[in-house]
């Protein structure tokens, strides 16, 4: 399983940044996301920033990772906590289409057979 970590930029220079998050500090490659500044939130995977995040989205990802860690460690109460945001499994088709950036009709079209009703 591949999991990106939300990390906050401490310092940045050409193509690299010093970031912290989830109990670690590391130097990462930022060439995929462009120039960064102290305070920027990044989604980091295998030593490279893959996506820019806002603070709210970084907190959502942290909450989801906390739930995952609780479940893996056997913490039943922690694993059952409210993540504080809607999981895709609880979203409507319109919400999923908005999340993925697809139009509602476009999201439904590939699996529909001519004559089916949406």
PDB file of N, CA and C in Angstrom:
ATOM      1  N   UNK A   1       0.849  -1.167   0.000  1.00  0.00           N
ATOM      2  CA  UNK A   1       0.000   0.000   0.000  1.00  0.00           C
ATOM      3  C   UNK A   1       0.897   1.234   0.000  1.00  0.00           C
ATOM      4  N   UNK A   2       0.533   2.213  -0.798  1.00  0.00           N
ATOM      5  CA  UNK A   2       1.288   3.459  -0.905  1.00  0.00           C
ATOM      6  C   UNK A   2       0.535   4.544  -0.141  1.00  0.00           C
ATOM      7  N   UNK A   3       1.211   5.169   0.792  1.00  0.00           N
ATOM      8  CA  UNK A   3       0.565   6.204   1.592  1.00  0.00           C
ATOM      9  C   UNK A   3       1.449   7.439   1.625  1.00  0.00           C
ATOM     10  N   UNK A   4       0.886   8.564   1.180  1.00  0.00           N
ATOM     11  CA  UNK A   4       1.576   9.842   1.271  1.00  0.00           C
ATOM     12  C   UNK A   4       1.326  10.453   2.640  1.00  0.00           C
ATOM     13  N   UNK A   5       2.291  11.210   3.115  1.00  0.00           N
ATOM     14  CA  UNK A   5       2.181  11.855   4.425  1.00  0.00           C
ATOM     15  C   UNK A   5       2.069  13.363   4.256  1.00  0.00           C
ATOM     16  N   UNK A   6       1.155  13.988   4.988  1.00  0.00           N
ATOM     17  CA  UNK A   6       1.088  15.452   4.952  1.00  0.00           C
ATOM     18  C   UNK A   6       2.234  16.014   5.791  1.00  0.00           C
ATOM     19  N   UNK A   7       3.018  16.905   5.199  1.00  0.00           N
ATOM     20  CA  UNK A   7       4.166  17.467   5.903  1.00  0.00           C
ATOM     21  C   UNK A   7       4.233  18.969   5.647  1.00  0.00           C
ATOM     22  N   UNK A   8       4.650  19.712   6.681  1.00  0.00           N
ATOM     23  CA  UNK A   8       4.740  21.167   6.603  1.00  0.00           C
ATOM     24  C   UNK A   8       6.171  21.573   6.322  1.00  0.00           C
ATOM     25  N   UNK A   9       6.330  22.502   5.405  1.00  0.00           N
ATOM     26  CA  UNK A   9       7.660  22.970   5.012  1.00  0.00           C
ATOM     27  C   UNK A   9       8.269  23.854   6.099  1.00  0.00           C
ATOM     28  N   UNK A  10       9.495  23.524   6.499  1.00  0.00           N
ATOM     29  CA  UNK A  10      10.246  24.335   7.463  1.00  0.00           C
ATOM     30  C   UNK A  10      11.154  25.315   6.737  1.00  0.00           C
ATOM     31  N   UNK A  11      11.853  24.815   5.722  1.00  0.00           N
ATOM     32  CA  UNK A  11      12.758  25.621   4.898  1.00  0.00           C
ATOM     33  C   UNK A  11      12.687  25.084   3.476  1.00  0.00           C
ATOM     34  N   UNK A  12      12.934  25.952   2.510  1.00  0.00           N
ATOM     35  CA  UNK A  12      12.926  25.500   1.119  1.00  0.00           C
ATOM     36  C   UNK A  12      14.042  26.183   0.348  1.00  0.00           C
ATOM     37  N   UNK A  13      14.572  25.488  -0.629  1.00  0.00           N
ATOM     38  CA  UNK A  13      15.567  26.031  -1.546  1.00  0.00           C
ATOM     39  C   UNK A  13      15.322  25.357  -2.891  1.00  0.00           C
ATOM     40  N   UNK A  14      16.071  25.669  -3.872  1.00  0.00           N
ATOM     41  CA  UNK A  14      15.839  25.209  -5.236  1.00  0.00           C
ATOM     42  C   UNK A  14      15.696  23.684  -5.330  1.00  0.00           C
ATOM     43  N   UNK A  15      14.470  23.228  -5.586  1.00  0.00           N
ATOM     44  CA  UNK A  15      14.222  21.808  -5.798  1.00  0.00           C
ATOM     45  C   UNK A  15      14.165  20.938  -4.572  1.00  0.00           C
ATOM     46  N   UNK A  16      14.327  21.516  -3.387  1.00  0.00           N
ATOM     47  CA  UNK A  16      14.299  20.720  -2.159  1.00  0.00           C
ATOM     48  C   UNK A  16      13.663  21.508  -1.026  1.00  0.00           C
ATOM     49  N   UNK A  17      13.245  20.786   0.001  1.00  0.00           N
ATOM     50  CA  UNK A  17      12.692  21.428   1.194  1.00  0.00           C
ATOM     51  C   UNK A  17      12.942  20.546   2.412  1.00  0.00           C
ATOM     52  N   UNK A  18      13.028  21.178   3.554  1.00  0.00           N
ATOM     53  CA  UNK A  18      13.086  20.492   4.833  1.00  0.00           C
ATOM     54  C   UNK A  18      11.658  20.525   5.365  1.00  0.00           C
ATOM     55  N   UNK A  19      11.081  19.352   5.628  1.00  0.00           N
ATOM     56  CA  UNK A  19       9.685  19.271   6.044  1.00  0.00           C
ATOM     57  C   UNK A  19       9.554  18.482   7.340  1.00  0.00           C
ATOM     58  N   UNK A  20       8.424  18.704   8.034  1.00  0.00           N
ATOM     59  CA  UNK A  20       8.140  17.933   9.246  1.00  0.00           C
ATOM     60  C   UNK A  20       6.687  17.499   9.233  1.00  0.00           C
ATOM     61  N   UNK A  21       6.446  16.333   9.815  1.00  0.00           N
ATOM     62  CA  UNK A  21       5.093  15.825   9.940  1.00  0.00           C
ATOM     63  C   UNK A  21       5.091  14.394  10.416  1.00  0.00           C
ATOM     64  N   UNK A  22       4.044  14.031  11.155  1.00  0.00           N
ATOM     65  CA  UNK A  22       3.855  12.677  11.666  1.00  0.00           C
ATOM     66  C   UNK A  22       5.091  12.181  12.416  1.00  0.00           C
ATOM     67  N   UNK A  23       5.725  13.084  13.181  1.00  0.00           N
ATOM     68  CA  UNK A  23       6.844  12.699  14.036  1.00  0.00           C
ATOM     69  C   UNK A  23       8.177  12.549  13.343  1.00  0.00           C
ATOM     70  N   UNK A  24       8.301  13.078  12.154  1.00  0.00           N
ATOM     71  CA  UNK A  24       9.574  12.974  11.441  1.00  0.00           C
ATOM     72  C   UNK A  24       9.925  14.295  10.778  1.00  0.00           C
ATOM     73  N   UNK A  25      11.217  14.476  10.539  1.00  0.00           N
ATOM     74  CA  UNK A  25      11.742  15.629   9.803  1.00  0.00           C
ATOM     75  C   UNK A  25      12.639  15.061   8.719  1.00  0.00           C
ATOM     76  N   UNK A  26      12.455  15.537   7.483  1.00  0.00           N
ATOM     77  CA  UNK A  26      13.288  15.027   6.389  1.00  0.00           C
ATOM     78  C   UNK A  26      13.442  16.066   5.280  1.00  0.00           C
ATOM     79  N   UNK A  27      14.466  15.862   4.473  1.00  0.00           N
ATOM     80  CA  UNK A  27      14.685  16.695   3.301  1.00  0.00           C
ATOM     81  C   UNK A  27      14.075  15.960   2.119  1.00  0.00           C
ATOM     82  N   UNK A  28      13.254  16.684   1.329  1.00  0.00           N
ATOM     83  CA  UNK A  28      12.556  16.057   0.206  1.00  0.00           C
ATOM     84  C   UNK A  28      12.819  16.806  -1.097  1.00  0.00           C
ATOM     85  N   UNK A  29      12.519  16.150  -2.188  1.00  0.00           N
ATOM     86  CA  UNK A  29      12.591  16.727  -3.531  1.00  0.00           C
ATOM     87  C   UNK A  29      11.260  17.434  -3.807  1.00  0.00           C
ATOM     88  N   UNK A  30      11.298  18.670  -4.276  1.00  0.00           N
ATOM     89  CA  UNK A  30      10.069  19.423  -4.547  1.00  0.00           C
ATOM     90  C   UNK A  30       9.883  19.741  -6.032  1.00  0.00           C
ATOM     91  N   UNK A  31      10.661  19.138  -6.889  1.00  0.00           N
ATOM     92  CA  UNK A  31      10.594  19.484  -8.313  1.00  0.00           C
ATOM     93  C   UNK A  31       9.227  19.195  -8.939  1.00  0.00           C
ATOM     94  N   UNK A  32       8.472  18.238  -8.423  1.00  0.00           N
ATOM     95  CA  UNK A  32       7.159  17.935  -8.989  1.00  0.00           C
ATOM     96  C   UNK A  32       6.102  18.990  -8.657  1.00  0.00           C
ATOM     97  N   UNK A  33       6.304  19.748  -7.570  1.00  0.00           N
ATOM     98  CA  UNK A  33       5.300  20.744  -7.154  1.00  0.00           C
ATOM     99  C   UNK A  33       5.778  22.182  -7.318  1.00  0.00           C
ATOM    100  N   UNK A  34       7.018  22.369  -7.687  1.00  0.00           N
ATOM    101  CA  UNK A  34       7.544  23.719  -7.874  1.00  0.00           C
ATOM    102  C   UNK A  34       8.065  24.332  -6.583  1.00  0.00           C
ATOM    103  N   UNK A  35       8.336  25.632  -6.643  1.00  0.00           N
ATOM    104  CA  UNK A  35       8.898  26.337  -5.489  1.00  0.00           C
ATOM    105  C   UNK A  35       7.964  26.288  -4.290  1.00  0.00           C
ATOM    106  N   UNK A  36       8.550  26.115  -3.121  1.00  0.00           N
ATOM    107  CA  UNK A  36       7.802  26.062  -1.869  1.00  0.00           C
ATOM    108  C   UNK A  36       8.354  27.113  -0.925  1.00  0.00           C
ATOM    109  N   UNK A  37       7.593  27.409   0.097  1.00  0.00           N
ATOM    110  CA  UNK A  37       8.021  28.367   1.123  1.00  0.00           C
ATOM    111  C   UNK A  37       7.713  27.780   2.492  1.00  0.00           C
ATOM    112  N   UNK A  38       8.383  28.292   3.500  1.00  0.00           N
ATOM    113  CA  UNK A  38       8.129  27.847   4.874  1.00  0.00           C
ATOM    114  C   UNK A  38       6.637  27.991   5.178  1.00  0.00           C
ATOM    115  N   UNK A  39       6.069  26.947   5.769  1.00  0.00           N
ATOM    116  CA  UNK A  39       4.654  26.948   6.112  1.00  0.00           C
ATOM    117  C   UNK A  39       3.775  26.227   5.111  1.00  0.00           C
ATOM    118  N   UNK A  40       4.269  25.987   3.900  1.00  0.00           N
ATOM    119  CA  UNK A  40       3.478  25.271   2.901  1.00  0.00           C
ATOM    120  C   UNK A  40       3.267  23.821   3.330  1.00  0.00           C
ATOM    121  N   UNK A  41       2.079  23.289   3.042  1.00  0.00           N
ATOM    122  CA  UNK A  41       1.766  21.881   3.298  1.00  0.00           C
ATOM    123  C   UNK A  41       1.920  21.099   2.001  1.00  0.00           C
ATOM    124  N   UNK A  42       2.565  19.924   2.111  1.00  0.00           N
ATOM    125  CA  UNK A  42       2.819  19.070   0.957  1.00  0.00           C
ATOM    126  C   UNK A  42       2.451  17.633   1.287  1.00  0.00           C
ATOM    127  N   UNK A  43       1.991  16.900   0.289  1.00  0.00           N
ATOM    128  CA  UNK A  43       1.789  15.466   0.439  1.00  0.00           C
ATOM    129  C   UNK A  43       3.077  14.806  -0.030  1.00  0.00           C
ATOM    130  N   UNK A  44       3.749  14.079   0.864  1.00  0.00           N
ATOM    131  CA  UNK A  44       5.078  13.536   0.596  1.00  0.00           C
ATOM    132  C   UNK A  44       5.021  12.008   0.539  1.00  0.00           C
ATOM    133  N   UNK A  45       5.644  11.466  -0.494  1.00  0.00           N
ATOM    134  CA  UNK A  45       5.729  10.016  -0.661  1.00  0.00           C
ATOM    135  C   UNK A  45       7.102   9.676  -1.217  1.00  0.00           C
ATOM    136  N   UNK A  46       7.789   8.759  -0.572  1.00  0.00           N
ATOM    137  CA  UNK A  46       9.105   8.286  -0.978  1.00  0.00           C
ATOM    138  C   UNK A  46      10.083   9.422  -1.267  1.00  0.00           C
ATOM    139  N   UNK A  47      10.158  10.373  -0.344  1.00  0.00           N
ATOM    140  CA  UNK A  47      11.162  11.421  -0.427  1.00  0.00           C
ATOM    141  C   UNK A  47      10.887  12.541  -1.400  1.00  0.00           C
ATOM    142  N   UNK A  48       9.652  12.614  -1.921  1.00  0.00           N
ATOM    143  CA  UNK A  48       9.321  13.679  -2.869  1.00  0.00           C
ATOM    144  C   UNK A  48       7.921  14.223  -2.592  1.00  0.00           C
ATOM    145  N   UNK A  49       7.770  15.526  -2.772  1.00  0.00           N
ATOM    146  CA  UNK A  49       6.449  16.150  -2.674  1.00  0.00           C
ATOM    147  C   UNK A  49       5.672  15.763  -3.921  1.00  0.00           C
ATOM    148  N   UNK A  50       4.462  15.261  -3.735  1.00  0.00           N
ATOM    149  CA  UNK A  50       3.632  14.822  -4.862  1.00  0.00           C
ATOM    150  C   UNK A  50       2.479  15.783  -5.133  1.00  0.00           C
ATOM    151  N   UNK A  51       2.103  16.559  -4.095  1.00  0.00           N
ATOM    152  CA  UNK A  51       0.938  17.438  -4.229  1.00  0.00           C
ATOM    153  C   UNK A  51       1.013  18.528  -3.172  1.00  0.00           C
ATOM    154  N   UNK A  52       0.516  19.708  -3.516  1.00  0.00           N
ATOM    155  CA  UNK A  52       0.363  20.780  -2.538  1.00  0.00           C
ATOM    156  C   UNK A  52      -0.966  20.581  -1.821  1.00  0.00           C
ATOM    157  N   UNK A  53      -0.996  20.878  -0.531  1.00  0.00           N
ATOM    158  CA  UNK A  53      -2.205  20.735   0.273  1.00  0.00           C
ATOM    159  C   UNK A  53      -2.514  22.044   0.974  1.00  0.00           C
ATOM    160  N   UNK A  54      -3.791  22.264   1.300  1.00  0.00           N
ATOM    161  CA  UNK A  54      -4.087  23.356   2.219  1.00  0.00           C
ATOM    162  C   UNK A  54      -4.106  22.739   3.624  1.00  0.00           C
ATOM    163  N   UNK A  55      -4.099  23.575   4.651  1.00  0.00           N
ATOM    164  CA  UNK A  55      -4.012  23.084   6.028  1.00  0.00           C
ATOM    165  C   UNK A  55      -5.184  22.175   6.380  1.00  0.00           C
ATOM    166  N   UNK A  56      -6.368  22.473   5.839  1.00  0.00           N
ATOM    167  CA  UNK A  56      -7.549  21.657   6.135  1.00  0.00           C
ATOM    168  C   UNK A  56      -7.403  20.247   5.574  1.00  0.00           C
ATOM    169  N   UNK A  57      -6.952  20.146   4.341  1.00  0.00           N
ATOM    170  CA  UNK A  57      -6.775  18.821   3.723  1.00  0.00           C
ATOM    171  C   UNK A  57      -5.662  18.047   4.422  1.00  0.00           C
ATOM    172  N   UNK A  58      -4.598  18.727   4.820  1.00  0.00           N
ATOM    173  CA  UNK A  58      -3.519  18.064   5.563  1.00  0.00           C
ATOM    174  C   UNK A  58      -4.060  17.487   6.870  1.00  0.00           C
ATOM    175  N   UNK A  59      -4.928  18.227   7.557  1.00  0.00           N
ATOM    176  CA  UNK A  59      -5.527  17.747   8.810  1.00  0.00           C
ATOM    177  C   UNK A  59      -6.429  16.539   8.551  1.00  0.00           C
ATOM    178  N   UNK A  60      -7.169  16.553   7.444  1.00  0.00           N
ATOM    179  CA  UNK A  60      -8.020  15.408   7.100  1.00  0.00           C
ATOM    180  C   UNK A  60      -7.185  14.157   6.865  1.00  0.00           C
ATOM    181  N   UNK A  61      -6.102  14.294   6.142  1.00  0.00           N
ATOM    182  CA  UNK A  61      -5.235  13.145   5.870  1.00  0.00           C
ATOM    183  C   UNK A  61      -4.612  12.651   7.165  1.00  0.00           C
ATOM    184  N   UNK A  62      -4.168  13.573   8.027  1.00  0.00           N
ATOM    185  CA  UNK A  62      -3.626  13.179   9.331  1.00  0.00           C
ATOM    186  C   UNK A  62      -4.659  12.394  10.138  1.00  0.00           C
ATOM    187  N   UNK A  63      -5.915  12.853  10.133  1.00  0.00           N
ATOM    188  CA  UNK A  63      -6.977  12.159  10.876  1.00  0.00           C
ATOM    189  C   UNK A  63      -7.190  10.748  10.333  1.00  0.00           C
ATOM    190  N   UNK A  64      -7.181  10.605   9.010  1.00  0.00           N
ATOM    191  CA  UNK A  64      -7.346   9.287   8.402  1.00  0.00           C
ATOM    192  C   UNK A  64      -6.171   8.373   8.767  1.00  0.00           C
ATOM    193  N   UNK A  65      -4.958   8.912   8.756  1.00  0.00           N
ATOM    194  CA  UNK A  65      -3.781   8.116   9.132  1.00  0.00           C
ATOM    195  C   UNK A  65      -3.816   7.732  10.609  1.00  0.00           C
ATOM    196  N   UNK A  66      -4.335   8.626  11.452  1.00  0.00           N
ATOM    197  CA  UNK A  66      -4.498   8.290  12.873  1.00  0.00           C
ATOM    198  C   UNK A  66      -5.451   7.113  13.046  1.00  0.00           C
ATOM    199  N   UNK A  67      -6.570   7.113  12.296  1.00  0.00           N
ATOM    200  CA  UNK A  67      -7.525   6.000  12.360  1.00  0.00           C
ATOM    201  C   UNK A  67      -6.882   4.705  11.885  1.00  0.00           C
ATOM    202  N   UNK A  68      -6.111   4.784  10.810  1.00  0.00           N
ATOM    203  CA  UNK A  68      -5.424   3.604  10.289  1.00  0.00           C
ATOM    204  C   UNK A  68      -4.442   3.045  11.317  1.00  0.00           C
ATOM    205  N   UNK A  69      -3.647   3.918  11.914  1.00  0.00           N
ATOM    206  CA  UNK A  69      -2.693   3.472  12.930  1.00  0.00           C
ATOM    207  C   UNK A  69      -3.401   2.856  14.125  1.00  0.00           C
ATOM    208  N   UNK A  70      -4.525   3.453  14.538  1.00  0.00           N
ATOM    209  CA  UNK A  70      -5.280   2.905  15.670  1.00  0.00           C
ATOM    210  C   UNK A  70      -5.786   1.506  15.332  1.00  0.00           C
ATOM    211  N   UNK A  71      -6.318   1.339  14.146  1.00  0.00           N
ATOM    212  CA  UNK A  71      -6.817   0.026  13.739  1.00  0.00           C
ATOM    213  C   UNK A  71      -5.716  -1.017  13.664  1.00  0.00           C
ATOM    214  N   UNK A  72      -4.568  -0.627  13.125  1.00  0.00           N
ATOM    215  CA  UNK A  72      -3.452  -1.565  13.002  1.00  0.00           C
ATOM    216  C   UNK A  72      -2.852  -1.944  14.352  1.00  0.00           C
ATOM    217  N   UNK A  73      -2.975  -1.045  15.327  1.00  0.00           N
ATOM    218  CA  UNK A  73      -2.414  -1.330  16.648  1.00  0.00           C
ATOM    219  C   UNK A  73      -3.418  -2.035  17.560  1.00  0.00           C
ATOM    220  N   UNK A  74      -4.655  -2.238  17.073  1.00  0.00           N
ATOM    221  CA  UNK A  74      -5.656  -2.930  17.874  1.00  0.00           C
ATOM    222  C   UNK A  74      -6.450  -2.015  18.787  1.00  0.00           C
ATOM    223  N   UNK A  75      -6.328  -0.710  18.630  1.00  0.00           N
ATOM    224  CA  UNK A  75      -7.065   0.261  19.431  1.00  0.00           C
ATOM    225  C   UNK A  75      -8.483   0.377  18.872  1.00  0.00           C
ATOM    226  N   UNK A  76      -9.400  -0.439  19.422  1.00  0.00           N
ATOM    227  CA  UNK A  76     -10.763  -0.511  18.904  1.00  0.00           C
ATOM    228  C   UNK A  76     -11.470   0.828  19.035  1.00  0.00           C
ATOM    229  N   UNK A  77     -11.328   1.503  20.159  1.00  0.00           N
ATOM    230  CA  UNK A  77     -11.998   2.790  20.345  1.00  0.00           C
ATOM    231  C   UNK A  77     -11.437   3.847  19.400  1.00  0.00           C
ATOM    232  N   UNK A  78     -10.132   3.898  19.259  1.00  0.00           N
ATOM    233  CA  UNK A  78      -9.508   4.863  18.359  1.00  0.00           C
ATOM    234  C   UNK A  78      -9.839   4.592  16.910  1.00  0.00           C
ATOM    235  N   UNK A  79      -9.915   3.310  16.540  1.00  0.00           N
ATOM    236  CA  UNK A  79     -10.204   2.941  15.154  1.00  0.00           C
ATOM    237  C   UNK A  79     -11.643   3.256  14.770  1.00  0.00           C
ATOM    238  N   UNK A  80     -12.530   3.344  15.756  1.00  0.00           N
ATOM    239  CA  UNK A  80     -13.929   3.629  15.482  1.00  0.00           C
ATOM    240  C   UNK A  80     -14.269   5.096  15.577  1.00  0.00           C
ATOM    241  N   UNK A  81     -13.275   5.946  15.763  1.00  0.00           N
ATOM    242  CA  UNK A  81     -13.507   7.385  15.922  1.00  0.00           C
ATOM    243  C   UNK A  81     -14.034   8.004  14.630  1.00  0.00           C
ATOM    244  N   UNK A  82     -14.683   9.131  14.772  1.00  0.00           N
ATOM    245  CA  UNK A  82     -15.177   9.878  13.620  1.00  0.00           C
ATOM    246  C   UNK A  82     -13.991  10.560  12.950  1.00  0.00           C
ATOM    247  N   UNK A  83     -13.768  10.315  11.646  1.00  0.00           N
ATOM    248  CA  UNK A  83     -12.619  10.928  10.983  1.00  0.00           C
ATOM    249  C   UNK A  83     -12.759  12.431  10.800  1.00  0.00           C
ATOM    250  N   UNK A  84     -13.970  12.979  10.988  1.00  0.00           N
ATOM    251  CA  UNK A  84     -14.154  14.419  10.861  1.00  0.00           C
ATOM    252  C   UNK A  84     -14.340  14.888   9.433  1.00  0.00           C
ATOM    253  N   UNK A  85     -14.495  13.946   8.497  1.00  0.00           N
ATOM    254  CA  UNK A  85     -14.752  14.279   7.105  1.00  0.00           C
ATOM    255  C   UNK A  85     -15.442  13.082   6.463  1.00  0.00           C
ATOM    256  N   UNK A  86     -16.051  13.295   5.318  1.00  0.00           N
ATOM    257  CA  UNK A  86     -16.794  12.230   4.647  1.00  0.00           C
ATOM    258  C   UNK A  86     -15.851  11.293   3.905  1.00  0.00           C
ATOM    259  N   UNK A  87     -15.950  10.022   4.219  1.00  0.00           N
ATOM    260  CA  UNK A  87     -15.192   9.020   3.487  1.00  0.00           C
ATOM    261  C   UNK A  87     -15.885   8.766   2.154  1.00  0.00           C
ATOM    262  N   UNK A  88     -15.150   8.442   1.103  1.00  0.00           N
ATOM    263  CA  UNK A  88     -15.782   8.195  -0.201  1.00  0.00           C
ATOM    264  C   UNK A  88     -16.905   7.163  -0.139  1.00  0.00           C
ATOM    265  N   UNK A  89     -16.786   6.161   0.727  1.00  0.00           N
ATOM    266  CA  UNK A  89     -17.825   5.133   0.815  1.00  0.00           C
ATOM    267  C   UNK A  89     -19.152   5.686   1.327  1.00  0.00           C
ATOM    268  N   UNK A  90     -19.136   6.864   1.960  1.00  0.00           N
ATOM    269  CA  UNK A  90     -20.354   7.471   2.485  1.00  0.00           C
ATOM    270  C   UNK A  90     -20.869   8.603   1.591  1.00  0.00           C
ATOM    271  N   UNK A  91     -20.230   8.810   0.433  1.00  0.00           N
ATOM    272  CA  UNK A  91     -20.605   9.914  -0.445  1.00  0.00           C
ATOM    273  C   UNK A  91     -21.616   9.486  -1.496  1.00  0.00           C
ATOM    274  N   UNK A  92     -22.418  10.448  -1.930  1.00  0.00           N
ATOM    275  CA  UNK A  92     -23.354  10.210  -3.030  1.00  0.00           C
ATOM    276  C   UNK A  92     -22.577  10.236  -4.345  1.00  0.00           C
ATOM    277  N   UNK A  93     -23.243   9.824  -5.425  1.00  0.00           N
ATOM    278  CA  UNK A  93     -22.607   9.844  -6.746  1.00  0.00           C
ATOM    279  C   UNK A  93     -22.204  11.258  -7.133  1.00  0.00           C
ATOM    280  N   UNK A  94     -23.056  12.245  -6.815  1.00  0.00           N
ATOM    281  CA  UNK A  94     -22.725  13.637  -7.131  1.00  0.00           C
ATOM    282  C   UNK A  94     -21.510  14.109  -6.340  1.00  0.00           C
ATOM    283  N   UNK A  95     -21.410  13.737  -5.065  1.00  0.00           N
ATOM    284  CA  UNK A  95     -20.259  14.128  -4.250  1.00  0.00           C
ATOM    285  C   UNK A  95     -18.979  13.475  -4.768  1.00  0.00           C
ATOM    286  N   UNK A  96     -19.060  12.211  -5.167  1.00  0.00           N
ATOM    287  CA  UNK A  96     -17.885  11.535  -5.727  1.00  0.00           C
ATOM    288  C   UNK A  96     -17.460  12.178  -7.039  1.00  0.00           C
ATOM    289  N   UNK A  97     -18.431  12.547  -7.875  1.00  0.00           N
ATOM    290  CA  UNK A  97     -18.106  13.211  -9.135  1.00  0.00           C
ATOM    291  C   UNK A  97     -17.412  14.542  -8.869  1.00  0.00           C
ATOM    292  N   UNK A  98     -17.910  15.290  -7.880  1.00  0.00           N
ATOM    293  CA  UNK A  98     -17.278  16.568  -7.529  1.00  0.00           C
ATOM    294  C   UNK A  98     -15.870  16.346  -6.991  1.00  0.00           C
ATOM    295  N   UNK A  99     -15.682  15.299  -6.199  1.00  0.00           N
ATOM    296  CA  UNK A  99     -14.372  14.993  -5.624  1.00  0.00           C
ATOM    297  C   UNK A  99     -13.354  14.648  -6.706  1.00  0.00           C
ATOM    298  N   UNK A 100     -13.783  13.921  -7.715  1.00  0.00           N
ATOM    299  CA  UNK A 100     -12.865  13.496  -8.774  1.00  0.00           C
ATOM    300  C   UNK A 100     -12.770  14.490  -9.916  1.00  0.00           C
ATOM    301  N   UNK A 101     -13.646  15.518  -9.896  1.00  0.00           N
ATOM    302  CA  UNK A 101     -13.614  16.522 -10.941  1.00  0.00           C
ATOM    303  C   UNK A 101     -14.352  16.105 -12.200  1.00  0.00           C
ATOM    304  N   UNK A 102     -15.092  15.009 -12.120  1.00  0.00           N
ATOM    305  CA  UNK A 102     -15.854  14.528 -13.278  1.00  0.00           C
ATOM    306  C   UNK A 102     -17.284  15.047 -13.209  1.00  0.00           C
ATOM    307  N   UNK A 103     -17.853  15.296 -14.368  1.00  0.00           N
ATOM    308  CA  UNK A 103     -19.266  15.663 -14.411  1.00  0.00           C
ATOM    309  C   UNK A 103     -20.087  14.448 -14.022  1.00  0.00           C
ATOM    310  N   UNK A 104     -21.217  14.642 -13.384  1.00  0.00           N
ATOM    311  CA  UNK A 104     -22.056  13.532 -12.920  1.00  0.00           C
ATOM    312  C   UNK A 104     -22.373  12.573 -14.060  1.00  0.00           C
ATOM    313  N   UNK A 105     -22.790  13.094 -15.200  1.00  0.00           N
ATOM    314  CA  UNK A 105     -23.114  12.237 -16.335  1.00  0.00           C
ATOM    315  C   UNK A 105     -21.906  11.476 -16.849  1.00  0.00           C
ATOM    316  N   UNK A 106     -20.742  12.132 -16.853  1.00  0.00           N
ATOM    317  CA  UNK A 106     -19.519  11.493 -17.342  1.00  0.00           C
ATOM    318  C   UNK A 106     -19.084  10.374 -16.421  1.00  0.00           C
ATOM    319  N   UNK A 107     -19.304  10.552 -15.117  1.00  0.00           N
ATOM    320  CA  UNK A 107     -18.902   9.526 -14.157  1.00  0.00           C
ATOM    321  C   UNK A 107     -19.762   8.283 -14.303  1.00  0.00           C
ATOM    322  N   UNK A 108     -21.042   8.457 -14.655  1.00  0.00           N
ATOM    323  CA  UNK A 108     -21.950   7.328 -14.755  1.00  0.00           C
ATOM    324  C   UNK A 108     -21.909   6.671 -16.131  1.00  0.00           C
ATOM    325  N   UNK A 109     -21.546   7.401 -17.158  1.00  0.00           N
ATOM    326  CA  UNK A 109     -21.659   6.926 -18.533  1.00  0.00           C
ATOM    327  C   UNK A 109     -20.903   5.643 -18.854  1.00  0.00           C
ATOM    328  N   UNK A 110     -19.657   5.431 -18.405  1.00  0.00           N
ATOM    329  CA  UNK A 110     -18.909   4.259 -18.855  1.00  0.00           C
ATOM    330  C   UNK A 110     -19.568   2.921 -18.548  1.00  0.00           C
ATOM    331  N   UNK A 111     -20.348   2.820 -17.493  1.00  0.00           N
ATOM    332  CA  UNK A 111     -20.912   1.525 -17.129  1.00  0.00           C
ATOM    333  C   UNK A 111     -22.390   1.401 -17.495  1.00  0.00           C
ATOM    334  N   UNK A 112     -22.948   2.413 -18.148  1.00  0.00           N
ATOM    335  CA  UNK A 112     -24.353   2.366 -18.501  1.00  0.00           C
ATOM    336  C   UNK A 112     -24.531   1.733 -19.879  1.00  0.00           C
ATOM    337  N   UNK A 113     -25.618   1.005 -20.043  1.00  0.00           N
ATOM    338  CA  UNK A 113     -25.978   0.383 -21.310  1.00  0.00           C
ATOM    339  C   UNK A 113     -27.080   1.228 -21.923  1.00  0.00           C
ATOM    340  N   UNK A 114     -27.089   1.328 -23.229  1.00  0.00           N
ATOM    341  CA  UNK A 114     -28.087   2.155 -23.912  1.00  0.00           C
ATOM    342  C   UNK A 114     -29.483   1.745 -23.437  1.00  0.00           C
ATOM    343  N   UNK A 115     -30.268   2.744 -23.051  1.00  0.00           N
ATOM    344  CA  UNK A 115     -31.611   2.500 -22.561  1.00  0.00           C
ATOM    345  C   UNK A 115     -31.710   2.487 -21.045  1.00  0.00           C
ATOM    346  N   UNK A 116     -30.579   2.340 -20.338  1.00  0.00           N
ATOM    347  CA  UNK A 116     -30.595   2.391 -18.872  1.00  0.00           C
ATOM    348  C   UNK A 116     -30.927   3.786 -18.409  1.00  0.00           C
ATOM    349  N   UNK A 117     -31.555   3.895 -17.296  1.00  0.00           N
ATOM    350  CA  UNK A 117     -31.848   5.172 -16.678  1.00  0.00           C
ATOM    351  C   UNK A 117     -30.798   5.449 -15.620  1.00  0.00           C
ATOM    352  N   UNK A 118     -30.293   6.717 -15.525  1.00  0.00           N
ATOM    353  CA  UNK A 118     -29.283   7.039 -14.494  1.00  0.00           C
ATOM    354  C   UNK A 118     -29.868   6.955 -13.111  1.00  0.00           C
TER     355      UNK A 118
END
